[in-house]
C-alpha cells in the first residue's frame, strides 16, 4: 500500500471513528490526511470503494496487533491475552474500534461491506481456532466463534455505552467451558 493511500485510509478511520459515517467524504479525508484535493478519490473512486478500503485497513491493523505465532500455553494465558487485546481496542485503539462498529451497522445494508468485514473476522477467528486447538478444545471452531461473539459484545458496550464491566469473568467462563477439565 502506498503511503498516500495509507494516510487516506487512516484519516477515514479517524473520521468515521470520531464523527460517524456521515462525516466520511472524499474531500474530508483529503483534508484530514493533509492530501491534495482529489487524492482520495484517485484511490477510491466511489464511497463504497472507500468504505471497503477502510474495512481492509482496519483488518490490516488488527492482524498487525496479533502475533501470528500466538500460542498461549495455558487457559489463563489465553484469557490474559484476550483481556489485553480488549484493553488495547477500547483504549489506544478506541477510534478504530468505534469506526469498525459503525461499519458493522452499515454492513447490514451493504453486501460488499459485509463481505469485507467477514473476511477480517474469519482471519481473526482462525487465529483463535489454532490457539484453542493447541489447548485441547474439542470444538475449537465453535469455541473461537463464541469467544469472538462475546468479545465483540463487550467491545460494543464499552465503546457505545462506556460500560466499565470487566470482560475477564466472561472470557474465563467461555475458555473454561471450551476446554476439557484439567
N, C-alpha and C. Protein backbone atom coordinates (compact mmCIF):
# COMPACT_ATOMS: atom_id res chain seq x y z
N UNK A 1 0.85 -1.17 0.00
CA UNK A 1 0.00 0.00 0.00
C UNK A 1 0.90 1.24 0.00
N UNK A 2 0.56 2.20 -0.84
CA UNK A 2 1.36 3.43 -0.91
C UNK A 2 1.14 4.25 0.35
N UNK A 3 2.13 5.06 0.71
CA UNK A 3 1.96 5.92 1.89
C UNK A 3 0.77 6.88 1.78
N UNK A 4 0.49 7.37 0.58
CA UNK A 4 -0.64 8.29 0.40
C UNK A 4 -1.96 7.56 0.63
N UNK A 5 -2.07 6.37 0.09
CA UNK A 5 -3.29 5.57 0.26
C UNK A 5 -3.48 5.23 1.74
N UNK A 6 -2.41 4.87 2.41
CA UNK A 6 -2.47 4.54 3.84
C UNK A 6 -2.89 5.78 4.64
N UNK A 7 -2.34 6.95 4.32
CA UNK A 7 -2.74 8.18 5.01
C UNK A 7 -4.22 8.46 4.81
N UNK A 8 -4.71 8.25 3.61
CA UNK A 8 -6.13 8.47 3.33
C UNK A 8 -6.99 7.53 4.16
N UNK A 9 -6.64 6.26 4.19
CA UNK A 9 -7.44 5.30 4.95
C UNK A 9 -7.37 5.56 6.45
N UNK A 10 -6.20 5.92 6.95
CA UNK A 10 -6.09 6.23 8.38
C UNK A 10 -6.92 7.46 8.73
N UNK A 11 -6.94 8.44 7.84
CA UNK A 11 -7.77 9.63 8.07
C UNK A 11 -9.25 9.26 8.01
N UNK A 12 -9.61 8.38 7.11
CA UNK A 12 -11.00 7.94 7.00
C UNK A 12 -11.43 7.21 8.27
N UNK A 13 -10.56 6.37 8.80
CA UNK A 13 -10.85 5.66 10.05
C UNK A 13 -11.08 6.67 11.17
N UNK A 14 -10.23 7.67 11.24
CA UNK A 14 -10.36 8.69 12.28
C UNK A 14 -11.69 9.45 12.14
N UNK A 15 -12.05 9.79 10.92
CA UNK A 15 -13.32 10.50 10.70
C UNK A 15 -14.51 9.64 11.12
N UNK A 16 -14.55 8.41 10.67
CA UNK A 16 -15.68 7.54 11.00
C UNK A 16 -15.72 7.24 12.50
N UNK A 17 -14.55 7.01 13.08
CA UNK A 17 -14.47 6.67 14.50
C UNK A 17 -14.75 7.81 15.44
N UNK A 18 -14.60 9.04 14.99
CA UNK A 18 -14.84 10.19 15.88
C UNK A 18 -16.10 10.97 15.53
N UNK A 19 -16.52 10.92 14.26
CA UNK A 19 -17.65 11.74 13.85
C UNK A 19 -18.79 10.94 13.21
N UNK A 20 -18.58 9.67 12.96
CA UNK A 20 -19.62 8.84 12.37
C UNK A 20 -19.52 8.78 10.86
N UNK A 21 -20.38 7.96 10.29
CA UNK A 21 -20.33 7.68 8.87
C UNK A 21 -20.67 8.90 8.01
N UNK A 22 -21.52 9.77 8.51
CA UNK A 22 -21.89 10.96 7.73
C UNK A 22 -20.71 11.90 7.49
N UNK A 23 -19.72 11.81 8.33
CA UNK A 23 -18.54 12.68 8.18
C UNK A 23 -17.61 12.20 7.07
N UNK A 24 -17.83 10.99 6.58
CA UNK A 24 -16.91 10.42 5.60
C UNK A 24 -17.23 10.89 4.18
N UNK A 25 -16.39 11.79 3.71
CA UNK A 25 -16.43 12.22 2.31
C UNK A 25 -15.00 12.21 1.79
N UNK A 26 -14.86 12.11 0.50
CA UNK A 26 -13.52 12.14 -0.09
C UNK A 26 -12.81 13.44 0.27
N UNK A 27 -13.51 14.55 0.19
CA UNK A 27 -12.90 15.85 0.48
C UNK A 27 -12.45 15.94 1.94
N UNK A 28 -13.26 15.45 2.86
CA UNK A 28 -12.87 15.49 4.28
C UNK A 28 -11.68 14.59 4.55
N UNK A 29 -11.64 13.46 3.88
CA UNK A 29 -10.49 12.57 4.05
C UNK A 29 -9.22 13.28 3.55
N UNK A 30 -9.30 13.89 2.38
CA UNK A 30 -8.15 14.64 1.86
C UNK A 30 -7.70 15.68 2.87
N UNK A 31 -8.65 16.42 3.40
CA UNK A 31 -8.34 17.48 4.35
C UNK A 31 -7.71 16.92 5.62
N UNK A 32 -8.33 15.89 6.19
CA UNK A 32 -7.82 15.30 7.44
C UNK A 32 -6.44 14.69 7.26
N UNK A 33 -6.20 14.10 6.09
CA UNK A 33 -4.91 13.45 5.82
C UNK A 33 -3.85 14.42 5.33
N UNK A 34 -4.25 15.67 5.06
CA UNK A 34 -3.30 16.65 4.53
C UNK A 34 -2.90 16.34 3.10
N UNK A 35 -3.83 15.82 2.34
CA UNK A 35 -3.56 15.44 0.95
C UNK A 35 -4.13 16.49 0.00
N UNK A 36 -3.59 16.53 -1.19
CA UNK A 36 -4.12 17.42 -2.22
C UNK A 36 -5.55 17.03 -2.55
N UNK A 37 -6.35 18.01 -2.85
CA UNK A 37 -7.75 17.77 -3.19
C UNK A 37 -7.84 16.76 -4.33
N UNK A 38 -8.70 15.76 -4.16
CA UNK A 38 -8.90 14.74 -5.17
C UNK A 38 -8.03 13.50 -4.99
N UNK A 39 -7.10 13.54 -4.05
CA UNK A 39 -6.19 12.39 -3.86
C UNK A 39 -6.94 11.13 -3.46
N UNK A 40 -7.85 11.26 -2.49
CA UNK A 40 -8.57 10.08 -2.02
C UNK A 40 -9.41 9.48 -3.14
N UNK A 41 -10.06 10.33 -3.92
CA UNK A 41 -10.90 9.79 -4.99
C UNK A 41 -10.07 9.16 -6.11
N UNK A 42 -8.79 9.48 -6.21
CA UNK A 42 -7.93 8.79 -7.16
C UNK A 42 -7.73 7.33 -6.77
N UNK A 43 -7.70 7.06 -5.47
CA UNK A 43 -7.53 5.69 -4.98
C UNK A 43 -8.86 4.97 -4.82
N UNK A 44 -9.88 5.71 -4.42
CA UNK A 44 -11.18 5.13 -4.12
C UNK A 44 -12.23 5.93 -4.88
N UNK A 45 -12.60 5.47 -6.04
CA UNK A 45 -13.46 6.24 -6.95
C UNK A 45 -14.86 6.47 -6.39
N UNK A 46 -15.35 5.55 -5.59
CA UNK A 46 -16.70 5.66 -5.06
C UNK A 46 -16.65 5.62 -3.53
N UNK A 47 -17.75 6.02 -2.93
CA UNK A 47 -17.86 5.95 -1.47
C UNK A 47 -17.76 4.49 -1.03
N UNK A 48 -18.39 3.59 -1.79
CA UNK A 48 -18.34 2.17 -1.45
C UNK A 48 -16.90 1.65 -1.48
N UNK A 49 -16.14 2.06 -2.47
CA UNK A 49 -14.73 1.65 -2.55
C UNK A 49 -13.95 2.18 -1.34
N UNK A 50 -14.26 3.39 -0.92
CA UNK A 50 -13.60 3.97 0.26
C UNK A 50 -13.97 3.18 1.51
N UNK A 51 -15.25 2.86 1.68
CA UNK A 51 -15.68 2.09 2.84
C UNK A 51 -15.01 0.72 2.87
N UNK A 52 -14.95 0.07 1.73
CA UNK A 52 -14.30 -1.24 1.66
C UNK A 52 -12.81 -1.11 1.96
N UNK A 53 -12.19 -0.05 1.49
CA UNK A 53 -10.79 0.21 1.81
C UNK A 53 -10.56 0.41 3.29
N UNK A 54 -11.48 1.11 3.95
CA UNK A 54 -11.38 1.33 5.39
C UNK A 54 -11.46 -0.01 6.12
N UNK A 55 -12.39 -0.87 5.73
CA UNK A 55 -12.52 -2.18 6.36
C UNK A 55 -11.23 -2.98 6.19
N UNK A 56 -10.67 -2.95 5.01
CA UNK A 56 -9.41 -3.65 4.77
C UNK A 56 -8.28 -3.13 5.63
N UNK A 57 -8.21 -1.83 5.77
CA UNK A 57 -7.17 -1.21 6.60
C UNK A 57 -7.36 -1.58 8.07
N UNK A 58 -8.61 -1.58 8.53
CA UNK A 58 -8.87 -1.98 9.92
C UNK A 58 -8.42 -3.41 10.16
N UNK A 59 -8.71 -4.30 9.22
CA UNK A 59 -8.29 -5.70 9.36
C UNK A 59 -6.76 -5.79 9.38
N UNK A 60 -6.12 -5.01 8.52
CA UNK A 60 -4.66 -5.00 8.48
C UNK A 60 -4.09 -4.54 9.83
N UNK A 61 -4.66 -3.50 10.41
CA UNK A 61 -4.20 -3.01 11.71
C UNK A 61 -4.44 -4.04 12.80
N UNK A 62 -5.60 -4.69 12.77
CA UNK A 62 -5.91 -5.72 13.78
C UNK A 62 -4.92 -6.87 13.70
N UNK A 63 -4.69 -7.36 12.49
CA UNK A 63 -3.80 -8.50 12.34
C UNK A 63 -2.37 -8.15 12.72
N UNK A 64 -1.98 -6.89 12.53
CA UNK A 64 -0.65 -6.45 12.93
C UNK A 64 -0.50 -6.47 14.45
N UNK A 65 -1.61 -6.31 15.17
CA UNK A 65 -1.57 -6.32 16.63
C UNK A 65 -1.54 -7.74 17.20
N UNK A 66 -1.95 -8.71 16.39
CA UNK A 66 -1.99 -10.09 16.85
C UNK A 66 -0.75 -10.80 16.34
N UNK A 67 -0.02 -11.36 17.25
CA UNK A 67 1.17 -12.12 16.87
C UNK A 67 0.70 -13.40 16.19
N UNK A 68 1.04 -13.56 14.91
CA UNK A 68 0.58 -14.72 14.17
C UNK A 68 1.13 -16.03 14.72
N UNK A 69 2.16 -15.93 15.56
CA UNK A 69 2.69 -17.12 16.23
C UNK A 69 2.05 -17.26 17.61
N UNK A 70 0.96 -16.56 17.86
CA UNK A 70 0.23 -16.56 19.12
C UNK A 70 -0.04 -18.00 19.53
N UNK A 71 0.50 -18.38 20.66
CA UNK A 71 0.34 -19.75 21.12
C UNK A 71 0.30 -19.81 22.64
N UNK A 72 -0.83 -19.41 23.23
CA UNK A 72 -0.91 -19.49 24.69
C UNK A 72 -0.74 -20.94 25.13
N UNK A 73 -0.05 -21.13 26.24
CA UNK A 73 0.21 -22.49 26.72
C UNK A 73 -0.73 -22.91 27.84
N UNK A 74 -1.49 -21.94 28.37
CA UNK A 74 -2.44 -22.25 29.44
C UNK A 74 -3.74 -21.48 29.18
N UNK A 75 -4.83 -21.97 29.74
CA UNK A 75 -6.08 -21.21 29.62
C UNK A 75 -5.97 -19.81 30.20
N UNK A 76 -5.27 -19.66 31.32
CA UNK A 76 -5.13 -18.34 31.92
C UNK A 76 -4.36 -17.39 31.01
N UNK A 77 -3.35 -17.91 30.34
CA UNK A 77 -2.59 -17.09 29.40
C UNK A 77 -3.48 -16.62 28.25
N UNK A 78 -4.37 -17.49 27.78
CA UNK A 78 -5.32 -17.10 26.73
C UNK A 78 -6.25 -16.00 27.23
N UNK A 79 -6.80 -16.17 28.42
CA UNK A 79 -7.70 -15.16 28.98
C UNK A 79 -6.98 -13.83 29.16
N UNK A 80 -5.77 -13.88 29.68
CA UNK A 80 -5.00 -12.65 29.89
C UNK A 80 -4.73 -11.95 28.56
N UNK A 81 -4.41 -12.70 27.53
CA UNK A 81 -4.16 -12.12 26.21
C UNK A 81 -5.43 -11.49 25.65
N UNK A 82 -6.56 -12.15 25.82
CA UNK A 82 -7.83 -11.58 25.38
C UNK A 82 -8.12 -10.27 26.11
N UNK A 83 -7.87 -10.25 27.42
CA UNK A 83 -8.11 -9.03 28.21
C UNK A 83 -7.18 -7.90 27.76
N UNK A 84 -5.94 -8.22 27.47
CA UNK A 84 -5.01 -7.20 26.99
C UNK A 84 -5.44 -6.65 25.64
N UNK A 85 -5.89 -7.53 24.76
CA UNK A 85 -6.39 -7.08 23.46
C UNK A 85 -7.61 -6.19 23.64
N UNK A 86 -8.49 -6.56 24.53
CA UNK A 86 -9.70 -5.78 24.80
C UNK A 86 -9.32 -4.38 25.30
N UNK A 87 -8.40 -4.31 26.22
CA UNK A 87 -7.98 -3.01 26.75
C UNK A 87 -7.32 -2.15 25.67
N UNK A 88 -6.57 -2.78 24.80
CA UNK A 88 -5.95 -2.04 23.70
C UNK A 88 -7.03 -1.48 22.76
N UNK A 89 -7.99 -2.33 22.40
CA UNK A 89 -9.02 -1.92 21.44
C UNK A 89 -9.98 -0.88 22.01
N UNK A 90 -10.11 -0.84 23.32
CA UNK A 90 -11.01 0.15 23.93
C UNK A 90 -10.25 1.32 24.54
N UNK A 91 -8.93 1.27 24.45
CA UNK A 91 -8.08 2.36 24.95
C UNK A 91 -7.37 3.03 23.80
N UNK A 92 -6.10 2.68 23.57
CA UNK A 92 -5.34 3.34 22.49
C UNK A 92 -5.96 3.21 21.10
N UNK A 93 -6.64 2.11 20.83
CA UNK A 93 -7.24 1.90 19.51
C UNK A 93 -8.75 2.14 19.51
N UNK A 94 -9.22 2.93 20.45
CA UNK A 94 -10.66 3.16 20.59
C UNK A 94 -11.29 3.76 19.33
N UNK A 95 -10.63 4.70 18.70
CA UNK A 95 -11.20 5.33 17.50
C UNK A 95 -11.38 4.31 16.38
N UNK A 96 -10.39 3.47 16.18
CA UNK A 96 -10.51 2.43 15.14
C UNK A 96 -11.62 1.44 15.50
N UNK A 97 -11.75 1.11 16.77
CA UNK A 97 -12.82 0.21 17.20
C UNK A 97 -14.18 0.84 16.97
N UNK A 98 -14.31 2.11 17.28
CA UNK A 98 -15.58 2.81 17.04
C UNK A 98 -15.90 2.82 15.55
N UNK A 99 -14.89 3.06 14.72
CA UNK A 99 -15.10 3.04 13.27
C UNK A 99 -15.58 1.67 12.81
N UNK A 100 -14.97 0.62 13.33
CA UNK A 100 -15.36 -0.74 12.97
C UNK A 100 -16.81 -1.00 13.34
N UNK A 101 -17.23 -0.56 14.51
CA UNK A 101 -18.61 -0.77 14.94
C UNK A 101 -19.59 0.00 14.06
N UNK A 102 -19.23 1.21 13.67
CA UNK A 102 -20.07 1.97 12.74
C UNK A 102 -20.21 1.20 11.43
N UNK A 103 -19.11 0.65 10.95
CA UNK A 103 -19.13 -0.09 9.69
C UNK A 103 -19.90 -1.40 9.81
N UNK A 104 -19.89 -2.02 10.99
CA UNK A 104 -20.72 -3.21 11.20
C UNK A 104 -22.18 -2.90 10.94
N UNK A 105 -22.63 -1.78 11.46
CA UNK A 105 -24.04 -1.40 11.28
C UNK A 105 -24.34 -1.10 9.81
N UNK A 106 -23.44 -0.42 9.15
CA UNK A 106 -23.63 -0.11 7.74
C UNK A 106 -23.63 -1.38 6.89
N UNK A 107 -22.88 -2.39 7.32
CA UNK A 107 -22.79 -3.64 6.56
C UNK A 107 -24.14 -4.35 6.47
N UNK A 108 -25.03 -4.06 7.39
CA UNK A 108 -26.35 -4.66 7.32
C UNK A 108 -27.12 -4.26 6.07
N UNK A 109 -26.69 -3.15 5.46
CA UNK A 109 -27.35 -2.63 4.26
C UNK A 109 -26.49 -2.76 3.01
N UNK A 110 -25.25 -3.21 3.17
CA UNK A 110 -24.29 -3.17 2.07
C UNK A 110 -23.57 -4.51 1.95
N UNK A 111 -23.97 -5.35 1.00
CA UNK A 111 -23.35 -6.67 0.86
C UNK A 111 -21.82 -6.64 0.69
N UNK A 112 -21.30 -5.68 -0.08
CA UNK A 112 -19.85 -5.62 -0.30
C UNK A 112 -19.11 -5.36 1.02
N UNK A 113 -19.67 -4.49 1.83
CA UNK A 113 -19.06 -4.17 3.12
C UNK A 113 -19.17 -5.37 4.06
N UNK A 114 -20.30 -6.04 4.02
CA UNK A 114 -20.50 -7.23 4.84
C UNK A 114 -19.46 -8.29 4.48
N UNK A 115 -19.21 -8.47 3.20
CA UNK A 115 -18.21 -9.47 2.77
C UNK A 115 -16.82 -9.08 3.24
N UNK A 116 -16.48 -7.81 3.15
CA UNK A 116 -15.16 -7.35 3.59
C UNK A 116 -14.99 -7.54 5.10
N UNK A 117 -16.01 -7.22 5.87
CA UNK A 117 -15.94 -7.41 7.32
C UNK A 117 -15.84 -8.89 7.66
N UNK A 118 -16.53 -9.72 6.92
CA UNK A 118 -16.49 -11.17 7.17
C UNK A 118 -15.08 -11.72 6.95
N UNK A 119 -14.40 -11.23 5.95
CA UNK A 119 -13.02 -11.69 5.70
C UNK A 119 -12.12 -11.36 6.88
N UNK A 120 -12.25 -10.17 7.43
CA UNK A 120 -11.45 -9.79 8.60
C UNK A 120 -11.78 -10.64 9.80
N UNK A 121 -13.06 -10.88 10.04
CA UNK A 121 -13.49 -11.70 11.17
C UNK A 121 -12.96 -13.12 11.02
N UNK A 122 -13.03 -13.66 9.82
CA UNK A 122 -12.55 -15.03 9.59
C UNK A 122 -11.05 -15.15 9.86
N UNK A 123 -10.29 -14.14 9.48
CA UNK A 123 -8.84 -14.17 9.72
C UNK A 123 -8.54 -14.15 11.22
N UNK A 124 -9.25 -13.32 11.96
CA UNK A 124 -9.03 -13.26 13.40
C UNK A 124 -9.50 -14.55 14.08
N UNK A 125 -10.65 -15.03 13.65
CA UNK A 125 -11.19 -16.25 14.24
C UNK A 125 -10.26 -17.44 14.00
N UNK A 126 -9.63 -17.49 12.84
CA UNK A 126 -8.70 -18.58 12.53
C UNK A 126 -7.56 -18.64 13.52
N UNK A 127 -7.08 -17.49 13.96
CA UNK A 127 -6.01 -17.44 14.96
C UNK A 127 -6.51 -18.03 16.27
N UNK A 128 -7.75 -17.70 16.64
CA UNK A 128 -8.35 -18.26 17.85
C UNK A 128 -8.55 -19.76 17.76
N UNK A 129 -8.95 -20.25 16.60
CA UNK A 129 -9.16 -21.68 16.41
C UNK A 129 -7.85 -22.43 16.66
N UNK A 130 -6.77 -21.94 16.11
CA UNK A 130 -5.47 -22.59 16.29
C UNK A 130 -5.08 -22.60 17.76
N UNK A 131 -5.24 -21.47 18.43
CA UNK A 131 -4.87 -21.39 19.85
C UNK A 131 -5.72 -22.34 20.70
N UNK A 132 -7.01 -22.37 20.45
CA UNK A 132 -7.89 -23.25 21.22
C UNK A 132 -7.62 -24.72 20.93
N UNK A 133 -7.30 -25.04 19.69
CA UNK A 133 -6.95 -26.43 19.35
C UNK A 133 -5.69 -26.85 20.09
N UNK A 134 -4.70 -25.96 20.15
CA UNK A 134 -3.46 -26.28 20.87
C UNK A 134 -3.71 -26.53 22.36
N UNK A 135 -4.72 -25.86 22.89
CA UNK A 135 -5.05 -26.03 24.31
C UNK A 135 -5.96 -27.24 24.54
N UNK A 136 -6.36 -27.92 23.46
CA UNK A 136 -7.13 -29.15 23.60
C UNK A 136 -8.63 -29.01 23.50
N UNK A 137 -9.12 -27.90 22.99
CA UNK A 137 -10.57 -27.73 22.85
C UNK A 137 -11.14 -28.79 21.92
N UNK A 138 -12.19 -29.49 22.33
CA UNK A 138 -12.79 -30.49 21.45
C UNK A 138 -13.48 -29.87 20.23
N UNK A 139 -13.93 -28.63 20.35
CA UNK A 139 -14.56 -27.91 19.24
C UNK A 139 -13.93 -26.52 19.15
N UNK A 140 -12.71 -26.44 18.65
CA UNK A 140 -12.03 -25.14 18.63
C UNK A 140 -12.74 -24.09 17.78
N UNK A 141 -13.37 -24.50 16.69
CA UNK A 141 -14.07 -23.53 15.85
C UNK A 141 -15.27 -22.95 16.59
N UNK A 142 -16.07 -23.81 17.21
CA UNK A 142 -17.22 -23.33 17.98
C UNK A 142 -16.80 -22.45 19.13
N UNK A 143 -15.72 -22.83 19.80
CA UNK A 143 -15.22 -22.04 20.93
C UNK A 143 -14.71 -20.68 20.46
N UNK A 144 -14.00 -20.66 19.34
CA UNK A 144 -13.50 -19.38 18.81
C UNK A 144 -14.65 -18.48 18.39
N UNK A 145 -15.68 -19.06 17.81
CA UNK A 145 -16.85 -18.28 17.41
C UNK A 145 -17.53 -17.68 18.63
N UNK A 146 -17.71 -18.47 19.68
CA UNK A 146 -18.33 -17.98 20.91
C UNK A 146 -17.49 -16.89 21.57
N UNK A 147 -16.18 -17.13 21.64
CA UNK A 147 -15.30 -16.10 22.23
C UNK A 147 -15.34 -14.82 21.41
N UNK A 148 -15.32 -14.94 20.09
CA UNK A 148 -15.38 -13.76 19.23
C UNK A 148 -16.66 -12.98 19.42
N UNK A 149 -17.78 -13.69 19.52
CA UNK A 149 -19.06 -13.02 19.70
C UNK A 149 -19.13 -12.29 21.04
N UNK A 150 -18.67 -12.94 22.09
CA UNK A 150 -18.67 -12.29 23.41
C UNK A 150 -17.69 -11.12 23.45
N UNK A 151 -16.55 -11.30 22.83
CA UNK A 151 -15.55 -10.23 22.77
C UNK A 151 -16.16 -9.02 22.08
N UNK A 152 -16.80 -9.23 20.93
CA UNK A 152 -17.41 -8.12 20.19
C UNK A 152 -18.54 -7.48 20.98
N UNK A 153 -19.30 -8.30 21.71
CA UNK A 153 -20.37 -7.74 22.53
C UNK A 153 -19.82 -6.83 23.62
N UNK A 154 -18.78 -7.27 24.28
CA UNK A 154 -18.14 -6.42 25.30
C UNK A 154 -17.59 -5.14 24.66
N UNK A 155 -16.98 -5.27 23.48
CA UNK A 155 -16.47 -4.08 22.79
C UNK A 155 -17.59 -3.08 22.51
N UNK A 156 -18.69 -3.58 21.99
CA UNK A 156 -19.82 -2.72 21.67
C UNK A 156 -20.29 -1.96 22.91
N UNK A 157 -20.44 -2.66 24.00
CA UNK A 157 -20.92 -2.00 25.22
C UNK A 157 -19.90 -1.02 25.80
N UNK A 158 -18.63 -1.36 25.72
CA UNK A 158 -17.59 -0.45 26.24
C UNK A 158 -17.53 0.82 25.40
N UNK A 159 -17.58 0.68 24.08
CA UNK A 159 -17.47 1.84 23.20
C UNK A 159 -18.76 2.66 23.19
N UNK A 160 -19.88 2.01 23.00
CA UNK A 160 -21.15 2.74 22.84
C UNK A 160 -21.72 3.26 24.15
N UNK A 161 -21.57 2.50 25.22
CA UNK A 161 -22.19 2.87 26.48
C UNK A 161 -21.18 3.28 27.55
N UNK A 162 -19.89 3.20 27.22
CA UNK A 162 -18.83 3.46 28.20
C UNK A 162 -18.99 2.54 29.41
N UNK A 163 -19.40 1.30 29.13
CA UNK A 163 -19.64 0.29 30.15
C UNK A 163 -18.29 -0.17 30.73
N UNK A 164 -18.10 -0.02 32.04
CA UNK A 164 -16.81 -0.38 32.63
C UNK A 164 -16.70 -1.85 33.02
N UNK A 165 -17.66 -2.68 32.65
CA UNK A 165 -17.65 -4.10 33.04
C UNK A 165 -16.34 -4.77 32.63
N UNK A 166 -15.77 -5.50 33.58
CA UNK A 166 -14.54 -6.25 33.33
C UNK A 166 -14.90 -7.49 32.50
N UNK A 167 -14.32 -7.65 31.31
CA UNK A 167 -14.66 -8.82 30.49
C UNK A 167 -14.01 -10.12 30.96
N UNK A 168 -13.04 -10.03 31.89
CA UNK A 168 -12.30 -11.23 32.30
C UNK A 168 -13.22 -12.36 32.76
N UNK A 169 -14.20 -12.13 33.62
CA UNK A 169 -15.04 -13.26 34.04
C UNK A 169 -15.76 -13.95 32.87
N UNK A 170 -16.20 -13.18 31.89
CA UNK A 170 -16.85 -13.77 30.72
C UNK A 170 -15.86 -14.61 29.93
N UNK A 171 -14.67 -14.07 29.70
CA UNK A 171 -13.65 -14.80 28.95
C UNK A 171 -13.23 -16.07 29.71
N UNK A 172 -13.08 -15.97 31.03
CA UNK A 172 -12.73 -17.15 31.83
C UNK A 172 -13.80 -18.22 31.72
N UNK A 173 -15.06 -17.82 31.82
CA UNK A 173 -16.17 -18.76 31.72
C UNK A 173 -16.15 -19.49 30.37
N UNK A 174 -15.99 -18.74 29.30
CA UNK A 174 -16.01 -19.35 27.97
C UNK A 174 -14.81 -20.25 27.73
N UNK A 175 -13.63 -19.82 28.15
CA UNK A 175 -12.43 -20.64 27.96
C UNK A 175 -12.56 -21.91 28.78
N UNK A 176 -13.02 -21.80 30.03
CA UNK A 176 -13.20 -22.98 30.88
C UNK A 176 -14.19 -23.96 30.24
N UNK A 177 -15.30 -23.43 29.72
CA UNK A 177 -16.32 -24.28 29.10
C UNK A 177 -15.81 -24.94 27.81
N UNK A 178 -14.91 -24.25 27.11
CA UNK A 178 -14.42 -24.73 25.81
C UNK A 178 -13.35 -25.81 25.93
N UNK A 179 -12.70 -25.87 27.08
CA UNK A 179 -11.58 -26.80 27.23
C UNK A 179 -11.95 -27.96 28.14
N UNK A 180 -11.33 -29.12 27.92
CA UNK A 180 -11.60 -30.26 28.81
C UNK A 180 -11.10 -29.95 30.21
N UNK A 181 -11.76 -30.54 31.21
CA UNK A 181 -11.35 -30.34 32.60
C UNK A 181 -9.92 -30.84 32.79
N UNK A 182 -9.18 -30.09 33.55
CA UNK A 182 -7.77 -30.48 33.80
C UNK A 182 -7.61 -31.03 35.19
